[in-house]
Amino acid sequence: MAVKTVKRWRRQYRELGLPRHAGFQGTPCPRCDGAALDEEAYALLLGWYLGDGHIVAARVYICAGSSWSTGSGR
């Protein structure tokens, strides 16, 4: 998330005279609160965080050189 976006949100809250965290309903944490984990949403968010937009289950080996191998022998 861009720092500029967060600064804009904070500025808008100040301009509206809202206290910090006003209007935000916290989501129960699966780790801290024992809430159920939305696995699909978590996978999507992790994919965005990693920067490629998706997660794929695959084996990738790094060889000596610049080529990539999937382990299929090709």
N, C-alpha and C. Protein backbone atom coordinates (compact mmCIF):
# COMPACT_ATOMS: atom_id res chain seq x y z
N MET A 1 0.85 -1.16 0.00
CA MET A 1 0.00 0.00 0.00
C MET A 1 0.90 1.23 0.00
N ALA A 2 0.57 2.15 -0.82
CA ALA A 2 1.38 3.35 -0.95
C ALA A 2 1.25 4.25 0.28
N VAL A 3 2.35 4.82 0.70
CA VAL A 3 2.37 5.73 1.85
C VAL A 3 1.46 6.93 1.57
N LYS A 4 1.45 7.37 0.33
CA LYS A 4 0.62 8.51 -0.05
C LYS A 4 -0.87 8.22 0.21
N THR A 5 -1.29 6.99 -0.02
CA THR A 5 -2.68 6.60 0.22
C THR A 5 -3.02 6.68 1.70
N VAL A 6 -2.16 6.16 2.55
CA VAL A 6 -2.38 6.19 3.99
C VAL A 6 -2.42 7.63 4.48
N LYS A 7 -1.51 8.46 3.98
CA LYS A 7 -1.51 9.88 4.37
C LYS A 7 -2.81 10.57 3.97
N ARG A 8 -3.32 10.23 2.78
CA ARG A 8 -4.59 10.82 2.33
C ARG A 8 -5.73 10.39 3.24
N TRP A 9 -5.79 9.11 3.60
CA TRP A 9 -6.84 8.65 4.51
C TRP A 9 -6.77 9.37 5.85
N ARG A 10 -5.56 9.51 6.37
CA ARG A 10 -5.40 10.20 7.67
C ARG A 10 -5.84 11.65 7.57
N ARG A 11 -5.47 12.30 6.46
CA ARG A 11 -5.85 13.70 6.27
C ARG A 11 -7.37 13.83 6.18
N GLN A 12 -8.03 12.91 5.47
CA GLN A 12 -9.48 12.96 5.34
C GLN A 12 -10.15 12.77 6.70
N TYR A 13 -9.62 11.88 7.53
CA TYR A 13 -10.18 11.70 8.87
C TYR A 13 -10.06 12.98 9.69
N ARG A 14 -8.89 13.62 9.61
CA ARG A 14 -8.69 14.88 10.35
C ARG A 14 -9.66 15.96 9.86
N GLU A 15 -9.81 16.08 8.54
CA GLU A 15 -10.69 17.10 7.97
C GLU A 15 -12.15 16.89 8.37
N LEU A 16 -12.55 15.64 8.55
CA LEU A 16 -13.91 15.33 8.98
C LEU A 16 -14.07 15.43 10.49
N GLY A 17 -12.97 15.61 11.20
CA GLY A 17 -13.02 15.72 12.65
C GLY A 17 -13.27 14.39 13.35
N LEU A 18 -12.96 13.29 12.68
CA LEU A 18 -13.19 11.98 13.26
C LEU A 18 -12.00 11.56 14.12
N PRO A 19 -12.26 10.90 15.24
CA PRO A 19 -11.14 10.38 16.05
C PRO A 19 -10.47 9.21 15.31
N ARG A 20 -9.27 8.91 15.72
CA ARG A 20 -8.55 7.79 15.11
C ARG A 20 -9.35 6.50 15.31
N HIS A 21 -9.33 5.67 14.32
CA HIS A 21 -10.02 4.38 14.31
C HIS A 21 -11.54 4.52 14.29
N ALA A 22 -12.06 5.70 14.01
CA ALA A 22 -13.52 5.88 13.96
C ALA A 22 -14.09 5.15 12.75
N GLY A 23 -15.15 4.42 12.97
CA GLY A 23 -15.81 3.73 11.87
C GLY A 23 -15.17 2.41 11.48
N PHE A 24 -14.09 2.06 12.11
CA PHE A 24 -13.42 0.80 11.79
C PHE A 24 -13.87 -0.28 12.76
N GLN A 25 -14.44 -1.32 12.22
CA GLN A 25 -14.84 -2.47 13.02
C GLN A 25 -13.77 -3.54 12.84
N GLY A 26 -13.03 -3.80 13.88
CA GLY A 26 -11.97 -4.78 13.80
C GLY A 26 -12.47 -6.17 13.46
N THR A 27 -11.73 -6.87 12.64
CA THR A 27 -12.05 -8.24 12.27
C THR A 27 -11.40 -9.17 13.29
N PRO A 28 -12.13 -10.15 13.78
CA PRO A 28 -11.54 -11.08 14.74
C PRO A 28 -10.33 -11.79 14.13
N CYS A 29 -9.29 -11.91 14.89
CA CYS A 29 -8.04 -12.52 14.43
C CYS A 29 -8.09 -14.04 14.64
N PRO A 30 -7.81 -14.81 13.58
CA PRO A 30 -7.80 -16.27 13.75
C PRO A 30 -6.75 -16.74 14.76
N ARG A 31 -5.64 -16.05 14.82
CA ARG A 31 -4.57 -16.46 15.74
C ARG A 31 -4.86 -16.02 17.17
N CYS A 32 -5.28 -14.77 17.34
CA CYS A 32 -5.46 -14.22 18.69
C CYS A 32 -6.82 -14.53 19.28
N ASP A 33 -7.87 -14.47 18.44
CA ASP A 33 -9.24 -14.60 18.94
C ASP A 33 -9.86 -15.97 18.67
N GLY A 34 -9.15 -16.83 17.93
CA GLY A 34 -9.69 -18.14 17.60
C GLY A 34 -10.79 -18.11 16.55
N ALA A 35 -10.85 -17.02 15.77
CA ALA A 35 -11.87 -16.90 14.72
C ALA A 35 -11.51 -17.80 13.54
N ALA A 36 -12.52 -18.10 12.72
CA ALA A 36 -12.29 -18.92 11.53
C ALA A 36 -11.49 -18.12 10.50
N LEU A 37 -10.57 -18.79 9.82
CA LEU A 37 -9.74 -18.16 8.79
C LEU A 37 -10.43 -18.29 7.45
N ASP A 38 -10.61 -17.17 6.76
CA ASP A 38 -11.15 -17.18 5.40
C ASP A 38 -9.97 -17.50 4.48
N GLU A 39 -9.79 -18.78 4.18
CA GLU A 39 -8.61 -19.23 3.45
C GLU A 39 -8.50 -18.63 2.05
N GLU A 40 -9.62 -18.48 1.36
CA GLU A 40 -9.60 -17.92 0.01
C GLU A 40 -9.14 -16.46 0.04
N ALA A 41 -9.69 -15.68 0.98
CA ALA A 41 -9.30 -14.27 1.09
C ALA A 41 -7.84 -14.15 1.53
N TYR A 42 -7.40 -15.03 2.43
CA TYR A 42 -6.02 -15.00 2.90
C TYR A 42 -5.05 -15.31 1.75
N ALA A 43 -5.38 -16.31 0.94
CA ALA A 43 -4.53 -16.67 -0.19
C ALA A 43 -4.45 -15.52 -1.20
N LEU A 44 -5.58 -14.85 -1.44
CA LEU A 44 -5.60 -13.71 -2.35
C LEU A 44 -4.73 -12.57 -1.82
N LEU A 45 -4.89 -12.26 -0.55
CA LEU A 45 -4.09 -11.20 0.06
C LEU A 45 -2.60 -11.53 0.03
N LEU A 46 -2.25 -12.78 0.34
CA LEU A 46 -0.85 -13.19 0.30
C LEU A 46 -0.29 -13.09 -1.11
N GLY A 47 -1.08 -13.45 -2.09
CA GLY A 47 -0.66 -13.31 -3.49
C GLY A 47 -0.38 -11.88 -3.87
N TRP A 48 -1.24 -10.96 -3.41
CA TRP A 48 -1.00 -9.54 -3.67
C TRP A 48 0.27 -9.08 -2.97
N TYR A 49 0.46 -9.53 -1.74
CA TYR A 49 1.65 -9.14 -0.97
C TYR A 49 2.92 -9.62 -1.66
N LEU A 50 2.88 -10.84 -2.17
CA LEU A 50 4.06 -11.38 -2.86
C LEU A 50 4.30 -10.69 -4.19
N GLY A 51 3.28 -10.04 -4.72
CA GLY A 51 3.46 -9.23 -5.92
C GLY A 51 3.11 -9.91 -7.22
N ASP A 52 2.81 -11.20 -7.22
CA ASP A 52 2.50 -11.85 -8.48
C ASP A 52 1.01 -12.07 -8.69
N GLY A 53 0.20 -11.81 -7.69
CA GLY A 53 -1.24 -11.88 -7.83
C GLY A 53 -1.84 -13.25 -7.61
N HIS A 54 -1.04 -14.29 -7.51
CA HIS A 54 -1.60 -15.62 -7.28
C HIS A 54 -0.56 -16.53 -6.64
N ILE A 55 -1.05 -17.65 -6.14
CA ILE A 55 -0.17 -18.64 -5.50
C ILE A 55 -0.35 -19.95 -6.25
N VAL A 56 0.75 -20.60 -6.57
CA VAL A 56 0.71 -21.86 -7.28
C VAL A 56 1.53 -22.87 -6.50
N ALA A 57 0.99 -24.06 -6.32
CA ALA A 57 1.74 -25.13 -5.67
C ALA A 57 2.60 -25.81 -6.74
N ALA A 58 3.89 -25.60 -6.69
CA ALA A 58 4.81 -26.19 -7.67
C ALA A 58 6.20 -26.27 -7.07
N ARG A 59 6.99 -27.18 -7.59
CA ARG A 59 8.38 -27.28 -7.17
C ARG A 59 9.24 -26.57 -8.20
N VAL A 60 10.08 -25.70 -7.73
CA VAL A 60 11.00 -24.98 -8.61
C VAL A 60 12.40 -25.13 -8.05
N TYR A 61 13.31 -25.51 -8.89
CA TYR A 61 14.70 -25.68 -8.48
C TYR A 61 15.56 -24.63 -9.17
N ILE A 62 16.48 -24.07 -8.44
CA ILE A 62 17.41 -23.10 -9.01
C ILE A 62 18.69 -23.84 -9.36
N CYS A 63 19.06 -23.79 -10.63
CA CYS A 63 20.26 -24.48 -11.10
C CYS A 63 21.42 -23.50 -11.18
N ALA A 64 22.62 -24.04 -11.29
CA ALA A 64 23.80 -23.18 -11.45
C ALA A 64 23.73 -22.56 -12.84
N GLY A 65 23.38 -21.35 -12.90
CA GLY A 65 23.21 -20.65 -14.17
C GLY A 65 21.96 -19.82 -14.09
N SER A 66 21.49 -19.38 -15.23
CA SER A 66 20.32 -18.51 -15.22
C SER A 66 19.05 -19.23 -15.63
N SER A 67 19.09 -20.55 -15.82
CA SER A 67 17.88 -21.26 -16.25
C SER A 67 17.12 -21.80 -15.03
N TRP A 68 15.82 -21.93 -15.20
CA TRP A 68 14.95 -22.45 -14.16
C TRP A 68 14.44 -23.81 -14.58
N SER A 69 14.27 -24.68 -13.64
CA SER A 69 13.75 -26.02 -13.93
C SER A 69 12.57 -26.30 -13.01
N THR A 70 11.55 -26.99 -13.55
CA THR A 70 10.40 -27.36 -12.75
C THR A 70 10.57 -28.74 -12.14
N GLY A 71 11.68 -29.37 -12.39
CA GLY A 71 11.92 -30.69 -11.85
C GLY A 71 11.32 -31.79 -12.70
N SER A 72 10.78 -31.46 -13.88
CA SER A 72 10.16 -32.45 -14.74
C SER A 72 11.17 -33.12 -15.67
N GLY A 73 12.45 -32.73 -15.58
CA GLY A 73 13.48 -33.33 -16.41
C GLY A 73 13.62 -32.67 -17.76
N ARG A 74 12.95 -31.60 -17.98
CA ARG A 74 13.06 -30.90 -19.28
C ARG A 74 14.03 -29.78 -19.20
